[in-house]
Amino acid sequence: MTGGSYSQHNTVVYKVDDQYRGMPHRRCILMNRTDAEKIGLAQHDLVTVQGDADKLENVEVIYGAVREGAALMFYPQVNVIFKARTETRCGTPAYKRVPMLVYGKQRSLH
């Protein structure tokens, strides 16, 4: 899923971090610890996140309170890796439930 930072309003970013979710900058992915460890990732590892349109590299893994099987990244930055599927009844782009791959531990920041 995508989300705005705690200090972001109407797509205007006032701070690069999100203290509410513990995300230190906008190039990170909030993952459930069990999910991350299941695929051999540790907190602060750098990974590639692949969507159906493109990929983002050097994304920092942050453990957080998200349910297993889900992850959260910031919009609008992450939206470039997905093709926006539009809900037919209301015409709203569906960025809240899109498949992605997280892979390629590159190195750790800490």
PDB file of N, CA and C in Angstrom:
ATOM      1  N   MET A   1       0.840  -1.172   0.000  1.00  0.00           N
ATOM      2  CA  MET A   1       0.000   0.000   0.000  1.00  0.00           C
ATOM      3  C   MET A   1       0.882   1.231   0.000  1.00  0.00           C
ATOM      4  N   THR A   2       0.322   2.340  -0.396  1.00  0.00           N
ATOM      5  CA  THR A   2       1.070   3.593  -0.367  1.00  0.00           C
ATOM      6  C   THR A   2       0.433   4.508   0.660  1.00  0.00           C
ATOM      7  N   GLY A   3       1.224   5.386   1.199  1.00  0.00           N
ATOM      8  CA  GLY A   3       0.705   6.315   2.190  1.00  0.00           C
ATOM      9  C   GLY A   3       1.509   7.594   2.189  1.00  0.00           C
ATOM     10  N   GLY A   4       0.904   8.634   2.712  1.00  0.00           N
ATOM     11  CA  GLY A   4       1.617   9.888   2.878  1.00  0.00           C
ATOM     12  C   GLY A   4       2.303   9.897   4.225  1.00  0.00           C
ATOM     13  N   SER A   5       3.342  10.686   4.341  1.00  0.00           N
ATOM     14  CA  SER A   5       4.041  10.756   5.620  1.00  0.00           C
ATOM     15  C   SER A   5       3.199  11.521   6.628  1.00  0.00           C
ATOM     16  N   TYR A   6       3.555  11.376   7.874  1.00  0.00           N
ATOM     17  CA  TYR A   6       2.843  12.062   8.947  1.00  0.00           C
ATOM     18  C   TYR A   6       2.934  13.576   8.788  1.00  0.00           C
ATOM     19  N   SER A   7       3.991  14.062   8.124  1.00  0.00           N
ATOM     20  CA  SER A   7       4.195  15.503   7.924  1.00  0.00           C
ATOM     21  C   SER A   7       3.896  15.913   6.492  1.00  0.00           C
ATOM     22  N   GLN A   8       3.014  15.189   5.832  1.00  0.00           N
ATOM     23  CA  GLN A   8       2.669  15.468   4.436  1.00  0.00           C
ATOM     24  C   GLN A   8       1.183  15.775   4.348  1.00  0.00           C
ATOM     25  N   HIS A   9       0.864  16.849   3.658  1.00  0.00           N
ATOM     26  CA  HIS A   9      -0.534  17.255   3.517  1.00  0.00           C
ATOM     27  C   HIS A   9      -0.810  17.613   2.068  1.00  0.00           C
ATOM     28  N   ASN A  10      -1.829  17.013   1.481  1.00  0.00           N
ATOM     29  CA  ASN A  10      -2.214  17.309   0.100  1.00  0.00           C
ATOM     30  C   ASN A  10      -1.037  17.232  -0.856  1.00  0.00           C
ATOM     31  N   THR A  11      -0.229  16.218  -0.719  1.00  0.00           N
ATOM     32  CA  THR A  11       0.961  15.919  -1.520  1.00  0.00           C
ATOM     33  C   THR A  11       2.095  16.934  -1.356  1.00  0.00           C
ATOM     34  N   VAL A  12       2.010  17.839  -0.390  1.00  0.00           N
ATOM     35  CA  VAL A  12       3.116  18.739  -0.085  1.00  0.00           C
ATOM     36  C   VAL A  12       3.891  18.143   1.080  1.00  0.00           C
ATOM     37  N   VAL A  13       5.163  17.878   0.879  1.00  0.00           N
ATOM     38  CA  VAL A  13       5.984  17.249   1.906  1.00  0.00           C
ATOM     39  C   VAL A  13       6.662  18.319   2.748  1.00  0.00           C
ATOM     40  N   TYR A  14       6.387  18.315   4.041  1.00  0.00           N
ATOM     41  CA  TYR A  14       7.005  19.277   4.947  1.00  0.00           C
ATOM     42  C   TYR A  14       8.252  18.707   5.611  1.00  0.00           C
ATOM     43  N   LYS A  15       8.315  17.401   5.756  1.00  0.00           N
ATOM     44  CA  LYS A  15       9.481  16.722   6.327  1.00  0.00           C
ATOM     45  C   LYS A  15       9.735  15.459   5.517  1.00  0.00           C
ATOM     46  N   VAL A  16      10.983  15.034   5.476  1.00  0.00           N
ATOM     47  CA  VAL A  16      11.295  13.820   4.713  1.00  0.00           C
ATOM     48  C   VAL A  16      11.060  12.551   5.519  1.00  0.00           C
ATOM     49  N   ASP A  17      10.978  12.665   6.849  1.00  0.00           N
ATOM     50  CA  ASP A  17      10.763  11.481   7.677  1.00  0.00           C
ATOM     51  C   ASP A  17       9.297  11.370   8.085  1.00  0.00           C
ATOM     52  N   ASP A  18       8.965  10.243   8.666  1.00  0.00           N
ATOM     53  CA  ASP A  18       7.627  10.006   9.191  1.00  0.00           C
ATOM     54  C   ASP A  18       7.800   9.429  10.591  1.00  0.00           C
ATOM     55  N   GLN A  19       7.846  10.284  11.580  1.00  0.00           N
ATOM     56  CA  GLN A  19       8.087   9.847  12.952  1.00  0.00           C
ATOM     57  C   GLN A  19       6.954   8.981  13.481  1.00  0.00           C
ATOM     58  N   TYR A  20       5.758   9.184  12.988  1.00  0.00           N
ATOM     59  CA  TYR A  20       4.601   8.409  13.422  1.00  0.00           C
ATOM     60  C   TYR A  20       4.792   6.922  13.135  1.00  0.00           C
ATOM     61  N   ARG A  21       5.369   6.585  11.970  1.00  0.00           N
ATOM     62  CA  ARG A  21       5.586   5.186  11.581  1.00  0.00           C
ATOM     63  C   ARG A  21       7.037   4.745  11.748  1.00  0.00           C
ATOM     64  N   GLY A  22       7.931   5.646  12.156  1.00  0.00           N
ATOM     65  CA  GLY A  22       9.337   5.301  12.348  1.00  0.00           C
ATOM     66  C   GLY A  22      10.122   5.175  11.059  1.00  0.00           C
ATOM     67  N   MET A  23       9.681   5.873  10.011  1.00  0.00           N
ATOM     68  CA  MET A  23      10.353   5.820   8.714  1.00  0.00           C
ATOM     69  C   MET A  23      11.250   7.060   8.588  1.00  0.00           C
ATOM     70  N   PRO A  24      12.576   6.862   8.458  1.00  0.00           N
ATOM     71  CA  PRO A  24      13.519   7.973   8.541  1.00  0.00           C
ATOM     72  C   PRO A  24      13.617   8.858   7.302  1.00  0.00           C
ATOM     73  N   HIS A  25      13.137   8.386   6.164  1.00  0.00           N
ATOM     74  CA  HIS A  25      13.206   9.142   4.911  1.00  0.00           C
ATOM     75  C   HIS A  25      12.170   8.560   3.965  1.00  0.00           C
ATOM     76  N   ARG A  26      12.109   9.073   2.754  1.00  0.00           N
ATOM     77  CA  ARG A  26      11.046   8.682   1.831  1.00  0.00           C
ATOM     78  C   ARG A  26      11.442   7.532   0.887  1.00  0.00           C
ATOM     79  N   ARG A  27      12.664   7.011   1.011  1.00  0.00           N
ATOM     80  CA  ARG A  27      13.091   5.885   0.165  1.00  0.00           C
ATOM     81  C   ARG A  27      13.232   4.637   1.037  1.00  0.00           C
ATOM     82  N   CYS A  28      12.125   4.257   1.659  1.00  0.00           N
ATOM     83  CA  CYS A  28      12.137   3.068   2.498  1.00  0.00           C
ATOM     84  C   CYS A  28      10.815   2.328   2.349  1.00  0.00           C
ATOM     85  N   ILE A  29      10.824   1.081   2.829  1.00  0.00           N
ATOM     86  CA  ILE A  29       9.631   0.245   2.785  1.00  0.00           C
ATOM     87  C   ILE A  29       9.369  -0.263   4.192  1.00  0.00           C
ATOM     88  N   LEU A  30       8.169  -0.064   4.671  1.00  0.00           N
ATOM     89  CA  LEU A  30       7.753  -0.538   5.989  1.00  0.00           C
ATOM     90  C   LEU A  30       7.236  -1.961   5.799  1.00  0.00           C
ATOM     91  N   MET A  31       7.908  -2.915   6.455  1.00  0.00           N
ATOM     92  CA  MET A  31       7.556  -4.330   6.306  1.00  0.00           C
ATOM     93  C   MET A  31       7.333  -4.972   7.664  1.00  0.00           C
ATOM     94  N   ASN A  32       6.505  -5.983   7.681  1.00  0.00           N
ATOM     95  CA  ASN A  32       6.337  -6.824   8.853  1.00  0.00           C
ATOM     96  C   ASN A  32       7.648  -7.569   9.079  1.00  0.00           C
ATOM     97  N   ARG A  33       8.116  -7.599  10.309  1.00  0.00           N
ATOM     98  CA  ARG A  33       9.405  -8.239  10.626  1.00  0.00           C
ATOM     99  C   ARG A  33       9.440  -9.704  10.198  1.00  0.00           C
ATOM    100  N   THR A  34       8.363 -10.434  10.441  1.00  0.00           N
ATOM    101  CA  THR A  34       8.299 -11.851  10.071  1.00  0.00           C
ATOM    102  C   THR A  34       8.456 -12.025   8.569  1.00  0.00           C
ATOM    103  N   ASP A  35       7.768 -11.197   7.773  1.00  0.00           N
ATOM    104  CA  ASP A  35       7.890 -11.270   6.316  1.00  0.00           C
ATOM    105  C   ASP A  35       9.328 -11.024   5.872  1.00  0.00           C
ATOM    106  N   ALA A  36       9.938  -9.979   6.412  1.00  0.00           N
ATOM    107  CA  ALA A  36      11.305  -9.625   6.019  1.00  0.00           C
ATOM    108  C   ALA A  36      12.279 -10.757   6.358  1.00  0.00           C
ATOM    109  N   GLU A  37      12.213 -11.233   7.577  1.00  0.00           N
ATOM    110  CA  GLU A  37      13.149 -12.279   8.002  1.00  0.00           C
ATOM    111  C   GLU A  37      12.920 -13.593   7.247  1.00  0.00           C
ATOM    112  N   LYS A  38      11.676 -13.845   6.868  1.00  0.00           N
ATOM    113  CA  LYS A  38      11.352 -15.063   6.111  1.00  0.00           C
ATOM    114  C   LYS A  38      12.098 -15.106   4.776  1.00  0.00           C
ATOM    115  N   ILE A  39      12.385 -13.920   4.192  1.00  0.00           N
ATOM    116  CA  ILE A  39      13.102 -13.890   2.919  1.00  0.00           C
ATOM    117  C   ILE A  39      14.553 -13.425   3.096  1.00  0.00           C
ATOM    118  N   GLY A  40      15.037 -13.485   4.349  1.00  0.00           N
ATOM    119  CA  GLY A  40      16.443 -13.215   4.613  1.00  0.00           C
ATOM    120  C   GLY A  40      16.830 -11.760   4.717  1.00  0.00           C
ATOM    121  N   LEU A  41      15.868 -10.886   5.014  1.00  0.00           N
ATOM    122  CA  LEU A  41      16.156  -9.458   5.131  1.00  0.00           C
ATOM    123  C   LEU A  41      16.189  -9.029   6.586  1.00  0.00           C
ATOM    124  N   ALA A  42      17.043  -8.061   6.873  1.00  0.00           N
ATOM    125  CA  ALA A  42      17.121  -7.467   8.204  1.00  0.00           C
ATOM    126  C   ALA A  42      16.781  -5.982   8.102  1.00  0.00           C
ATOM    127  N   GLN A  43      16.425  -5.410   9.226  1.00  0.00           N
ATOM    128  CA  GLN A  43      16.143  -3.975   9.256  1.00  0.00           C
ATOM    129  C   GLN A  43      17.367  -3.209   8.743  1.00  0.00           C
ATOM    130  N   HIS A  44      17.119  -2.212   7.938  1.00  0.00           N
ATOM    131  CA  HIS A  44      18.117  -1.315   7.329  1.00  0.00           C
ATOM    132  C   HIS A  44      18.811  -1.905   6.106  1.00  0.00           C
ATOM    133  N   ASP A  45      18.486  -3.158   5.715  1.00  0.00           N
ATOM    134  CA  ASP A  45      19.023  -3.680   4.461  1.00  0.00           C
ATOM    135  C   ASP A  45      18.475  -2.840   3.311  1.00  0.00           C
ATOM    136  N   LEU A  46      19.243  -2.757   2.236  1.00  0.00           N
ATOM    137  CA  LEU A  46      18.795  -2.078   1.026  1.00  0.00           C
ATOM    138  C   LEU A  46      18.333  -3.119   0.023  1.00  0.00           C
ATOM    139  N   VAL A  47      17.161  -2.892  -0.563  1.00  0.00           N
ATOM    140  CA  VAL A  47      16.546  -3.855  -1.467  1.00  0.00           C
ATOM    141  C   VAL A  47      16.061  -3.151  -2.730  1.00  0.00           C
ATOM    142  N   THR A  48      15.632  -3.963  -3.679  1.00  0.00           N
ATOM    143  CA  THR A  48      14.944  -3.480  -4.872  1.00  0.00           C
ATOM    144  C   THR A  48      13.471  -3.824  -4.713  1.00  0.00           C
ATOM    145  N   VAL A  49      12.602  -2.882  -5.048  1.00  0.00           N
ATOM    146  CA  VAL A  49      11.164  -3.109  -5.010  1.00  0.00           C
ATOM    147  C   VAL A  49      10.660  -3.018  -6.450  1.00  0.00           C
ATOM    148  N   GLN A  50      10.098  -4.120  -6.944  1.00  0.00           N
ATOM    149  CA  GLN A  50       9.657  -4.230  -8.331  1.00  0.00           C
ATOM    150  C   GLN A  50       8.136  -4.210  -8.396  1.00  0.00           C
ATOM    151  N   GLY A  51       7.601  -3.308  -9.195  1.00  0.00           N
ATOM    152  CA  GLY A  51       6.168  -3.272  -9.464  1.00  0.00           C
ATOM    153  C   GLY A  51       5.919  -3.761 -10.881  1.00  0.00           C
ATOM    154  N   ASP A  52       4.717  -3.555 -11.394  1.00  0.00           N
ATOM    155  CA  ASP A  52       4.405  -4.021 -12.742  1.00  0.00           C
ATOM    156  C   ASP A  52       4.798  -3.015 -13.824  1.00  0.00           C
ATOM    157  N   ALA A  53       5.317  -1.839 -13.450  1.00  0.00           N
ATOM    158  CA  ALA A  53       5.729  -0.846 -14.435  1.00  0.00           C
ATOM    159  C   ALA A  53       7.221  -0.526 -14.366  1.00  0.00           C
ATOM    160  N   ASP A  54       7.824  -0.635 -13.207  1.00  0.00           N
ATOM    161  CA  ASP A  54       9.227  -0.254 -13.044  1.00  0.00           C
ATOM    162  C   ASP A  54       9.719  -0.770 -11.700  1.00  0.00           C
ATOM    163  N   LYS A  55      10.912  -0.351 -11.291  1.00  0.00           N
ATOM    164  CA  LYS A  55      11.453  -0.756 -10.003  1.00  0.00           C
ATOM    165  C   LYS A  55      12.173   0.417  -9.354  1.00  0.00           C
ATOM    166  N   LEU A  56      12.308   0.343  -8.028  1.00  0.00           N
ATOM    167  CA  LEU A  56      13.098   1.293  -7.254  1.00  0.00           C
ATOM    168  C   LEU A  56      14.198   0.492  -6.571  1.00  0.00           C
ATOM    169  N   GLU A  57      15.431   0.970  -6.674  1.00  0.00           N
ATOM    170  CA  GLU A  57      16.565   0.306  -6.048  1.00  0.00           C
ATOM    171  C   GLU A  57      17.022   1.087  -4.826  1.00  0.00           C
ATOM    172  N   ASN A  58      17.814   0.430  -3.992  1.00  0.00           N
ATOM    173  CA  ASN A  58      18.359   1.046  -2.774  1.00  0.00           C
ATOM    174  C   ASN A  58      17.265   1.584  -1.849  1.00  0.00           C
ATOM    175  N   VAL A  59      16.268   0.751  -1.623  1.00  0.00           N
ATOM    176  CA  VAL A  59      15.159   1.073  -0.725  1.00  0.00           C
ATOM    177  C   VAL A  59      15.463   0.434   0.629  1.00  0.00           C
ATOM    178  N   GLU A  60      15.400   1.219   1.700  1.00  0.00           N
ATOM    179  CA  GLU A  60      15.736   0.722   3.035  1.00  0.00           C
ATOM    180  C   GLU A  60      14.562  -0.022   3.672  1.00  0.00           C
ATOM    181  N   VAL A  61      14.832  -1.206   4.199  1.00  0.00           N
ATOM    182  CA  VAL A  61      13.825  -1.993   4.917  1.00  0.00           C
ATOM    183  C   VAL A  61      13.699  -1.448   6.340  1.00  0.00           C
ATOM    184  N   ILE A  62      12.466  -1.136   6.730  1.00  0.00           N
ATOM    185  CA  ILE A  62      12.148  -0.699   8.091  1.00  0.00           C
ATOM    186  C   ILE A  62      11.086  -1.651   8.630  1.00  0.00           C
ATOM    187  N   TYR A  63      11.338  -2.245   9.794  1.00  0.00           N
ATOM    188  CA  TYR A  63      10.324  -3.090  10.424  1.00  0.00           C
ATOM    189  C   TYR A  63       9.230  -2.191  10.984  1.00  0.00           C
ATOM    190  N   GLY A  64       7.986  -2.626  10.818  1.00  0.00           N
ATOM    191  CA  GLY A  64       6.897  -1.819  11.341  1.00  0.00           C
ATOM    192  C   GLY A  64       5.640  -2.618  11.573  1.00  0.00           C
ATOM    193  N   ALA A  65       4.657  -1.950  12.093  1.00  0.00           N
ATOM    194  CA  ALA A  65       3.385  -2.571  12.455  1.00  0.00           C
ATOM    195  C   ALA A  65       2.454  -2.617  11.242  1.00  0.00           C
ATOM    196  N   VAL A  66       2.794  -3.491  10.289  1.00  0.00           N
ATOM    197  CA  VAL A  66       1.910  -3.775   9.163  1.00  0.00           C
ATOM    198  C   VAL A  66       1.624  -5.270   9.198  1.00  0.00           C
ATOM    199  N   ARG A  67       0.471  -5.652   8.714  1.00  0.00           N
ATOM    200  CA  ARG A  67       0.116  -7.067   8.765  1.00  0.00           C
ATOM    201  C   ARG A  67       0.994  -7.875   7.824  1.00  0.00           C
ATOM    202  N   GLU A  68       1.147  -9.157   8.133  1.00  0.00           N
ATOM    203  CA  GLU A  68       1.937 -10.039   7.279  1.00  0.00           C
ATOM    204  C   GLU A  68       1.365 -10.030   5.865  1.00  0.00           C
ATOM    205  N   GLY A  69       2.264 -10.019   4.898  1.00  0.00           N
ATOM    206  CA  GLY A  69       1.848 -10.017   3.498  1.00  0.00           C
ATOM    207  C   GLY A  69       1.632  -8.630   2.924  1.00  0.00           C
ATOM    208  N   ALA A  70       1.768  -7.593   3.740  1.00  0.00           N
ATOM    209  CA  ALA A  70       1.569  -6.218   3.279  1.00  0.00           C
ATOM    210  C   ALA A  70       2.842  -5.414   3.534  1.00  0.00           C
ATOM    211  N   ALA A  71       2.960  -4.310   2.850  1.00  0.00           N
ATOM    212  CA  ALA A  71       4.070  -3.383   3.044  1.00  0.00           C
ATOM    213  C   ALA A  71       3.564  -1.990   2.703  1.00  0.00           C
ATOM    214  N   LEU A  72       4.302  -0.985   3.154  1.00  0.00           N
ATOM    215  CA  LEU A  72       3.892   0.392   2.905  1.00  0.00           C
ATOM    216  C   LEU A  72       5.088   1.194   2.424  1.00  0.00           C
ATOM    217  N   MET A  73       4.864   1.991   1.375  1.00  0.00           N
ATOM    218  CA  MET A  73       5.872   2.925   0.878  1.00  0.00           C
ATOM    219  C   MET A  73       5.184   4.268   0.642  1.00  0.00           C
ATOM    220  N   PHE A  74       5.978   5.328   0.536  1.00  0.00           N
ATOM    221  CA  PHE A  74       5.419   6.669   0.361  1.00  0.00           C
ATOM    222  C   PHE A  74       4.952   6.936  -1.061  1.00  0.00           C
ATOM    223  N   TYR A  75       3.825   7.633  -1.182  1.00  0.00           N
ATOM    224  CA  TYR A  75       3.428   8.195  -2.471  1.00  0.00           C
ATOM    225  C   TYR A  75       3.785   9.670  -2.409  1.00  0.00           C
ATOM    226  N   PRO A  76       3.983  10.333  -3.480  1.00  0.00           N
ATOM    227  CA  PRO A  76       3.855   9.833  -4.851  1.00  0.00           C
ATOM    228  C   PRO A  76       5.097   9.122  -5.369  1.00  0.00           C
ATOM    229  N   GLN A  77       6.165   9.067  -4.590  1.00  0.00           N
ATOM    230  CA  GLN A  77       7.429   8.500  -5.068  1.00  0.00           C
ATOM    231  C   GLN A  77       7.287   7.075  -5.601  1.00  0.00           C
ATOM    232  N   VAL A  78       6.615   6.200  -4.881  1.00  0.00           N
ATOM    233  CA  VAL A  78       6.541   4.795  -5.278  1.00  0.00           C
ATOM    234  C   VAL A  78       5.541   4.547  -6.409  1.00  0.00           C
ATOM    235  N   ASN A  79       4.654   5.471  -6.670  1.00  0.00           N
ATOM    236  CA  ASN A  79       3.630   5.241  -7.693  1.00  0.00           C
ATOM    237  C   ASN A  79       4.202   5.017  -9.083  1.00  0.00           C
ATOM    238  N   VAL A  80       5.449   5.439  -9.338  1.00  0.00           N
ATOM    239  CA  VAL A  80       6.046   5.258 -10.664  1.00  0.00           C
ATOM    240  C   VAL A  80       6.303   3.793 -10.992  1.00  0.00           C
ATOM    241  N   ILE A  81       6.333   2.913  -9.999  1.00  0.00           N
ATOM    242  CA  ILE A  81       6.616   1.506 -10.283  1.00  0.00           C
ATOM    243  C   ILE A  81       5.353   0.691 -10.554  1.00  0.00           C
ATOM    244  N   PHE A  82       4.190   1.319 -10.470  1.00  0.00           N
ATOM    245  CA  PHE A  82       2.927   0.615 -10.679  1.00  0.00           C
ATOM    246  C   PHE A  82       2.122   1.222 -11.817  1.00  0.00           C
ATOM    247  N   LYS A  83       1.424   0.366 -12.542  1.00  0.00           N
ATOM    248  CA  LYS A  83       0.427   0.825 -13.497  1.00  0.00           C
ATOM    249  C   LYS A  83      -0.854   1.020 -12.698  1.00  0.00           C
ATOM    250  N   ALA A  84      -1.395   2.190 -12.755  1.00  0.00           N
ATOM    251  CA  ALA A  84      -2.595   2.481 -11.960  1.00  0.00           C
ATOM    252  C   ALA A  84      -3.807   1.760 -12.538  1.00  0.00           C
ATOM    253  N   ARG A  85      -4.299   0.789 -11.824  1.00  0.00           N
ATOM    254  CA  ARG A  85      -5.560   0.146 -12.186  1.00  0.00           C
ATOM    255  C   ARG A  85      -6.662   1.064 -11.668  1.00  0.00           C
ATOM    256  N   THR A  86      -7.660   1.303 -12.465  1.00  0.00           N
ATOM    257  CA  THR A  86      -8.720   2.217 -12.069  1.00  0.00           C
ATOM    258  C   THR A  86      -9.970   1.438 -11.704  1.00  0.00           C
ATOM    259  N   GLU A  87     -10.534   1.771 -10.562  1.00  0.00           N
ATOM    260  CA  GLU A  87     -11.787   1.158 -10.120  1.00  0.00           C
ATOM    261  C   GLU A  87     -12.881   1.624 -11.067  1.00  0.00           C
ATOM    262  N   THR A  88     -13.595   0.689 -11.683  1.00  0.00           N
ATOM    263  CA  THR A  88     -14.525   1.031 -12.751  1.00  0.00           C
ATOM    264  C   THR A  88     -15.733   1.853 -12.306  1.00  0.00           C
ATOM    265  N   ARG A  89     -16.194   1.657 -11.086  1.00  0.00           N
ATOM    266  CA  ARG A  89     -17.393   2.367 -10.648  1.00  0.00           C
ATOM    267  C   ARG A  89     -17.136   3.825 -10.284  1.00  0.00           C
ATOM    268  N   CYS A  90     -15.982   4.104  -9.669  1.00  0.00           N
ATOM    269  CA  CYS A  90     -15.743   5.485  -9.207  1.00  0.00           C
ATOM    270  C   CYS A  90     -14.562   6.159  -9.895  1.00  0.00           C
ATOM    271  N   GLY A  91     -13.755   5.394 -10.663  1.00  0.00           N
ATOM    272  CA  GLY A  91     -12.645   5.975 -11.393  1.00  0.00           C
ATOM    273  C   GLY A  91     -11.422   6.294 -10.548  1.00  0.00           C
ATOM    274  N   THR A  92     -11.342   5.729  -9.347  1.00  0.00           N
ATOM    275  CA  THR A  92     -10.220   5.997  -8.449  1.00  0.00           C
ATOM    276  C   THR A  92      -9.066   5.030  -8.740  1.00  0.00           C
ATOM    277  N   PRO A  93      -7.833   5.546  -8.869  1.00  0.00           N
ATOM    278  CA  PRO A  93      -6.687   4.640  -9.058  1.00  0.00           C
ATOM    279  C   PRO A  93      -6.497   3.765  -7.825  1.00  0.00           C
ATOM    280  N   ALA A  94      -6.157   2.496  -8.056  1.00  0.00           N
ATOM    281  CA  ALA A  94      -6.020   1.527  -6.966  1.00  0.00           C
ATOM    282  C   ALA A  94      -4.556   1.354  -6.597  1.00  0.00           C
ATOM    283  N   TYR A  95      -4.027   2.216  -5.742  1.00  0.00           N
ATOM    284  CA  TYR A  95      -2.653   2.102  -5.267  1.00  0.00           C
ATOM    285  C   TYR A  95      -2.586   1.452  -3.890  1.00  0.00           C
ATOM    286  N   LYS A  96      -3.697   1.075  -3.329  1.00  0.00           N
ATOM    287  CA  LYS A  96      -3.690   0.515  -1.982  1.00  0.00           C
ATOM    288  C   LYS A  96      -3.529  -0.998  -1.951  1.00  0.00           C
ATOM    289  N   ARG A  97      -3.699  -1.653  -3.065  1.00  0.00           N
ATOM    290  CA  ARG A  97      -3.575  -3.114  -3.081  1.00  0.00           C
ATOM    291  C   ARG A  97      -2.986  -3.529  -4.416  1.00  0.00           C
ATOM    292  N   VAL A  98      -1.671  -3.454  -4.493  1.00  0.00           N
ATOM    293  CA  VAL A  98      -0.982  -3.781  -5.730  1.00  0.00           C
ATOM    294  C   VAL A  98       0.142  -4.774  -5.441  1.00  0.00           C
ATOM    295  N   PRO A  99       0.355  -5.739  -6.336  1.00  0.00           N
ATOM    296  CA  PRO A  99       1.421  -6.718  -6.101  1.00  0.00           C
ATOM    297  C   PRO A  99       2.800  -6.112  -6.370  1.00  0.00           C
ATOM    298  N   MET A 100       3.799  -6.592  -5.612  1.00  0.00           N
ATOM    299  CA  MET A 100       5.175  -6.153  -5.824  1.00  0.00           C
ATOM    300  C   MET A 100       6.117  -7.239  -5.342  1.00  0.00           C
ATOM    301  N   LEU A 101       7.365  -7.147  -5.780  1.00  0.00           N
ATOM    302  CA  LEU A 101       8.422  -8.045  -5.332  1.00  0.00           C
ATOM    303  C   LEU A 101       9.463  -7.227  -4.590  1.00  0.00           C
ATOM    304  N   VAL A 102       9.970  -7.785  -3.504  1.00  0.00           N
ATOM    305  CA  VAL A 102      11.059  -7.168  -2.752  1.00  0.00           C
ATOM    306  C   VAL A 102      12.203  -8.162  -2.797  1.00  0.00           C
ATOM    307  N   TYR A 103      13.346  -7.737  -3.322  1.00  0.00           N
ATOM    308  CA  TYR A 103      14.455  -8.678  -3.477  1.00  0.00           C
ATOM    309  C   TYR A 103      15.799  -7.958  -3.511  1.00  0.00           C
ATOM    310  N   GLY A 104      16.855  -8.756  -3.515  1.00  0.00           N
ATOM    311  CA  GLY A 104      18.197  -8.273  -3.779  1.00  0.00           C
ATOM    312  C   GLY A 104      18.837  -7.483  -2.662  1.00  0.00           C
ATOM    313  N   LYS A 105      19.011  -8.114  -1.508  1.00  0.00           N
ATOM    314  CA  LYS A 105      19.710  -7.426  -0.426  1.00  0.00           C
ATOM    315  C   LYS A 105      21.038  -6.929  -0.953  1.00  0.00           C
ATOM    316  N   GLN A 106      21.230  -5.606  -0.947  1.00  0.00           N
ATOM    317  CA  GLN A 106      22.454  -5.026  -1.494  1.00  0.00           C
ATOM    318  C   GLN A 106      23.485  -4.773  -0.410  1.00  0.00           C
ATOM    319  N   ARG A 107      23.098  -4.126   0.644  1.00  0.00           N
ATOM    320  CA  ARG A 107      23.972  -3.875   1.791  1.00  0.00           C
ATOM    321  C   ARG A 107      23.127  -3.221   2.867  1.00  0.00           C
ATOM    322  N   SER A 108      23.661  -3.114   4.034  1.00  0.00           N
ATOM    323  CA  SER A 108      22.934  -2.497   5.127  1.00  0.00           C
ATOM    324  C   SER A 108      23.423  -1.069   5.324  1.00  0.00           C
ATOM    325  N   LEU A 109      22.522  -0.172   5.703  1.00  0.00           N
ATOM    326  CA  LEU A 109      22.889   1.217   5.964  1.00  0.00           C
ATOM    327  C   LEU A 109      23.556   1.375   7.315  1.00  0.00           C
ATOM    328  N   HIS A 110      23.292   0.459   8.262  1.00  0.00           N
ATOM    329  CA  HIS A 110      23.811   0.614   9.629  1.00  0.00           C
ATOM    330  C   HIS A 110      24.696  -0.551  10.010  1.00  0.00           C
TER     331      HIS A 110
END
